[in-house]
């Protein structure tokens, strides 16, 4: 499961938990929503760090020519 799929699933379960608050533990919906927020924040931070590494590499200007295809930071 990819990050975005996990976030979507967590948000869906959080919405269900909030709609069915009498059938679920009290803070389940809040916990699920917070987990989704944290995953999204970490993904954005990882993208920012990857971009910083690409700037240091210097080949980012040639990315359109395939210079980054073998880059270990691309993953």
N, C-alpha and C. Protein backbone atom coordinates (compact mmCIF):
# COMPACT_ATOMS: atom_id res chain seq x y z
N UNK A 1 0.85 -1.17 0.00
CA UNK A 1 0.00 0.00 0.00
C UNK A 1 0.89 1.23 0.00
N UNK A 2 0.62 2.14 -0.90
CA UNK A 2 1.40 3.37 -0.98
C UNK A 2 0.93 4.38 0.05
N UNK A 3 1.75 5.39 0.27
CA UNK A 3 1.44 6.39 1.29
C UNK A 3 0.07 7.02 1.08
N UNK A 4 -0.22 7.43 -0.15
CA UNK A 4 -1.49 8.11 -0.40
C UNK A 4 -2.67 7.17 -0.21
N UNK A 5 -2.49 5.90 -0.57
CA UNK A 5 -3.56 4.93 -0.35
C UNK A 5 -3.81 4.74 1.14
N UNK A 6 -2.72 4.70 1.91
CA UNK A 6 -2.84 4.56 3.36
C UNK A 6 -3.54 5.77 3.97
N UNK A 7 -3.16 6.95 3.52
CA UNK A 7 -3.80 8.18 4.02
C UNK A 7 -5.29 8.17 3.70
N UNK A 8 -5.63 7.79 2.48
CA UNK A 8 -7.05 7.75 2.09
C UNK A 8 -7.82 6.75 2.94
N UNK A 9 -7.23 5.58 3.17
CA UNK A 9 -7.89 4.57 4.00
C UNK A 9 -8.07 5.06 5.43
N UNK A 10 -7.04 5.69 5.98
CA UNK A 10 -7.13 6.21 7.34
C UNK A 10 -8.22 7.27 7.45
N UNK A 11 -8.27 8.16 6.47
CA UNK A 11 -9.30 9.22 6.50
C UNK A 11 -10.70 8.62 6.37
N UNK A 12 -10.83 7.60 5.52
CA UNK A 12 -12.13 6.95 5.36
C UNK A 12 -12.57 6.29 6.67
N UNK A 13 -11.65 5.61 7.33
CA UNK A 13 -11.98 4.98 8.61
C UNK A 13 -12.23 6.02 9.70
N UNK A 14 -11.52 7.14 9.64
CA UNK A 14 -11.74 8.21 10.62
C UNK A 14 -13.15 8.79 10.46
N UNK A 15 -13.56 8.99 9.20
CA UNK A 15 -14.91 9.52 8.96
C UNK A 15 -15.96 8.54 9.47
N UNK A 16 -15.73 7.23 9.23
CA UNK A 16 -16.67 6.23 9.72
C UNK A 16 -16.73 6.24 11.25
N UNK A 17 -15.55 6.32 11.88
CA UNK A 17 -15.49 6.31 13.34
C UNK A 17 -16.19 7.52 13.94
N UNK A 18 -16.05 8.67 13.29
CA UNK A 18 -16.70 9.87 13.80
C UNK A 18 -18.21 9.81 13.60
N UNK A 19 -18.64 9.19 12.49
CA UNK A 19 -20.08 9.06 12.23
C UNK A 19 -20.72 8.02 13.14
N UNK A 20 -19.94 7.04 13.58
CA UNK A 20 -20.44 5.96 14.44
C UNK A 20 -19.78 6.02 15.80
N UNK A 21 -19.77 7.18 16.39
CA UNK A 21 -19.03 7.38 17.64
C UNK A 21 -19.52 6.51 18.79
N UNK A 22 -20.76 6.05 18.74
CA UNK A 22 -21.27 5.22 19.84
C UNK A 22 -20.81 3.77 19.71
N UNK A 23 -20.30 3.40 18.53
CA UNK A 23 -19.87 2.02 18.30
C UNK A 23 -18.36 1.85 18.34
N UNK A 24 -17.62 2.93 18.47
CA UNK A 24 -16.17 2.86 18.42
C UNK A 24 -15.56 3.46 19.68
N UNK A 25 -14.29 3.15 19.94
CA UNK A 25 -13.61 3.82 21.06
C UNK A 25 -13.64 5.33 20.87
N UNK A 26 -13.62 6.05 21.94
CA UNK A 26 -13.83 7.49 21.93
C UNK A 26 -12.88 8.24 21.00
N UNK A 27 -11.61 7.94 21.04
CA UNK A 27 -10.65 8.75 20.29
C UNK A 27 -10.20 8.10 18.98
N UNK A 28 -10.83 7.03 18.55
CA UNK A 28 -10.38 6.34 17.34
C UNK A 28 -10.37 7.26 16.13
N UNK A 29 -11.44 8.00 15.91
CA UNK A 29 -11.51 8.91 14.76
C UNK A 29 -10.42 9.96 14.80
N UNK A 30 -10.17 10.53 15.96
CA UNK A 30 -9.12 11.54 16.10
C UNK A 30 -7.74 10.94 15.85
N UNK A 31 -7.51 9.73 16.36
CA UNK A 31 -6.23 9.07 16.17
C UNK A 31 -5.97 8.75 14.70
N UNK A 32 -7.00 8.29 14.01
CA UNK A 32 -6.85 7.96 12.59
C UNK A 32 -6.59 9.22 11.77
N UNK A 33 -7.29 10.28 12.07
CA UNK A 33 -7.08 11.54 11.34
C UNK A 33 -5.68 12.09 11.59
N UNK A 34 -5.23 12.00 12.84
CA UNK A 34 -3.88 12.49 13.16
C UNK A 34 -2.81 11.64 12.46
N UNK A 35 -3.03 10.34 12.40
CA UNK A 35 -2.08 9.46 11.71
C UNK A 35 -2.00 9.82 10.23
N UNK A 36 -3.13 10.10 9.61
CA UNK A 36 -3.15 10.50 8.20
C UNK A 36 -2.42 11.82 8.01
N UNK A 37 -2.64 12.77 8.91
CA UNK A 37 -1.95 14.07 8.84
C UNK A 37 -0.44 13.89 8.95
N UNK A 38 -0.01 13.04 9.86
CA UNK A 38 1.43 12.83 10.05
C UNK A 38 2.07 12.17 8.84
N UNK A 39 1.38 11.21 8.24
CA UNK A 39 1.92 10.55 7.05
C UNK A 39 2.06 11.56 5.91
N UNK A 40 1.07 12.40 5.72
CA UNK A 40 1.14 13.42 4.67
C UNK A 40 2.28 14.40 4.94
N UNK A 41 2.45 14.81 6.20
CA UNK A 41 3.52 15.75 6.55
C UNK A 41 4.89 15.11 6.30
N UNK A 42 5.04 13.84 6.66
CA UNK A 42 6.31 13.16 6.43
C UNK A 42 6.61 13.02 4.95
N UNK A 43 5.59 12.75 4.14
CA UNK A 43 5.78 12.63 2.70
C UNK A 43 6.24 13.97 2.11
N UNK A 44 5.65 15.06 2.57
CA UNK A 44 6.06 16.38 2.09
C UNK A 44 7.49 16.70 2.51
N UNK A 45 7.85 16.32 3.74
CA UNK A 45 9.21 16.57 4.22
C UNK A 45 10.21 15.74 3.42
N UNK A 46 9.86 14.51 3.11
CA UNK A 46 10.75 13.66 2.31
C UNK A 46 10.95 14.24 0.92
N UNK A 47 9.88 14.76 0.32
CA UNK A 47 9.99 15.40 -1.00
C UNK A 47 10.91 16.61 -0.94
N UNK A 48 10.78 17.40 0.12
CA UNK A 48 11.62 18.59 0.26
C UNK A 48 13.09 18.19 0.43
N UNK A 49 13.34 17.17 1.22
CA UNK A 49 14.72 16.70 1.41
C UNK A 49 15.29 16.13 0.12
N UNK A 50 14.48 15.40 -0.63
CA UNK A 50 14.92 14.85 -1.92
C UNK A 50 15.27 15.98 -2.88
N UNK A 51 14.44 17.02 -2.89
CA UNK A 51 14.72 18.17 -3.75
C UNK A 51 16.03 18.85 -3.35
N UNK A 52 16.29 18.92 -2.06
CA UNK A 52 17.54 19.52 -1.58
C UNK A 52 18.74 18.70 -2.06
N UNK A 53 18.62 17.39 -2.01
CA UNK A 53 19.70 16.53 -2.50
C UNK A 53 19.90 16.70 -4.00
N UNK A 54 18.81 16.84 -4.73
CA UNK A 54 18.91 17.04 -6.18
C UNK A 54 19.60 18.36 -6.50
N UNK A 55 19.38 19.37 -5.69
CA UNK A 55 20.05 20.66 -5.91
C UNK A 55 21.55 20.52 -5.70
N UNK A 56 21.95 19.71 -4.70
CA UNK A 56 23.37 19.51 -4.43
C UNK A 56 24.04 18.69 -5.52
N UNK A 57 23.29 17.78 -6.12
CA UNK A 57 23.83 16.92 -7.18
C UNK A 57 24.22 17.76 -8.39
N UNK A 58 23.38 18.70 -8.75
CA UNK A 58 23.67 19.57 -9.87
C UNK A 58 23.11 19.08 -11.19
N UNK A 59 22.64 17.86 -11.26
CA UNK A 59 22.11 17.33 -12.51
C UNK A 59 20.62 17.60 -12.68
N UNK A 60 20.00 18.21 -11.69
CA UNK A 60 18.56 18.43 -11.73
C UNK A 60 18.13 19.24 -12.94
N UNK A 61 19.03 20.08 -13.46
CA UNK A 61 18.67 20.88 -14.64
C UNK A 61 18.58 20.02 -15.90
N UNK A 62 19.18 18.82 -15.85
CA UNK A 62 19.15 17.92 -16.99
C UNK A 62 18.16 16.78 -16.78
N UNK A 63 17.28 16.91 -15.81
CA UNK A 63 16.33 15.84 -15.49
C UNK A 63 15.46 15.50 -16.70
N UNK A 64 15.10 16.50 -17.48
CA UNK A 64 14.26 16.26 -18.66
C UNK A 64 14.98 15.43 -19.72
N UNK A 65 16.30 15.34 -19.64
CA UNK A 65 17.09 14.54 -20.57
C UNK A 65 17.40 13.16 -20.01
N UNK A 66 16.86 12.84 -18.84
CA UNK A 66 17.06 11.53 -18.25
C UNK A 66 18.24 11.42 -17.31
N UNK A 67 18.83 12.54 -16.94
CA UNK A 67 20.02 12.51 -16.07
C UNK A 67 19.71 11.94 -14.69
N UNK A 68 18.48 12.02 -14.25
CA UNK A 68 18.13 11.56 -12.90
C UNK A 68 17.56 10.15 -12.89
N UNK A 69 17.48 9.49 -14.02
CA UNK A 69 16.85 8.17 -14.07
C UNK A 69 17.57 7.16 -13.19
N UNK A 70 18.87 7.23 -13.10
CA UNK A 70 19.62 6.29 -12.27
C UNK A 70 19.98 6.83 -10.91
N UNK A 71 19.47 7.97 -10.56
CA UNK A 71 19.81 8.62 -9.30
C UNK A 71 19.27 7.83 -8.11
N UNK A 72 20.08 7.65 -7.10
CA UNK A 72 19.62 6.91 -5.93
C UNK A 72 18.66 7.72 -5.08
N UNK A 73 18.60 9.02 -5.27
CA UNK A 73 17.69 9.87 -4.47
C UNK A 73 16.30 9.94 -5.08
N UNK A 74 16.17 9.48 -6.29
CA UNK A 74 14.89 9.58 -7.01
C UNK A 74 13.80 8.75 -6.33
N UNK A 75 14.17 7.63 -5.68
CA UNK A 75 13.18 6.73 -5.06
C UNK A 75 12.49 7.37 -3.91
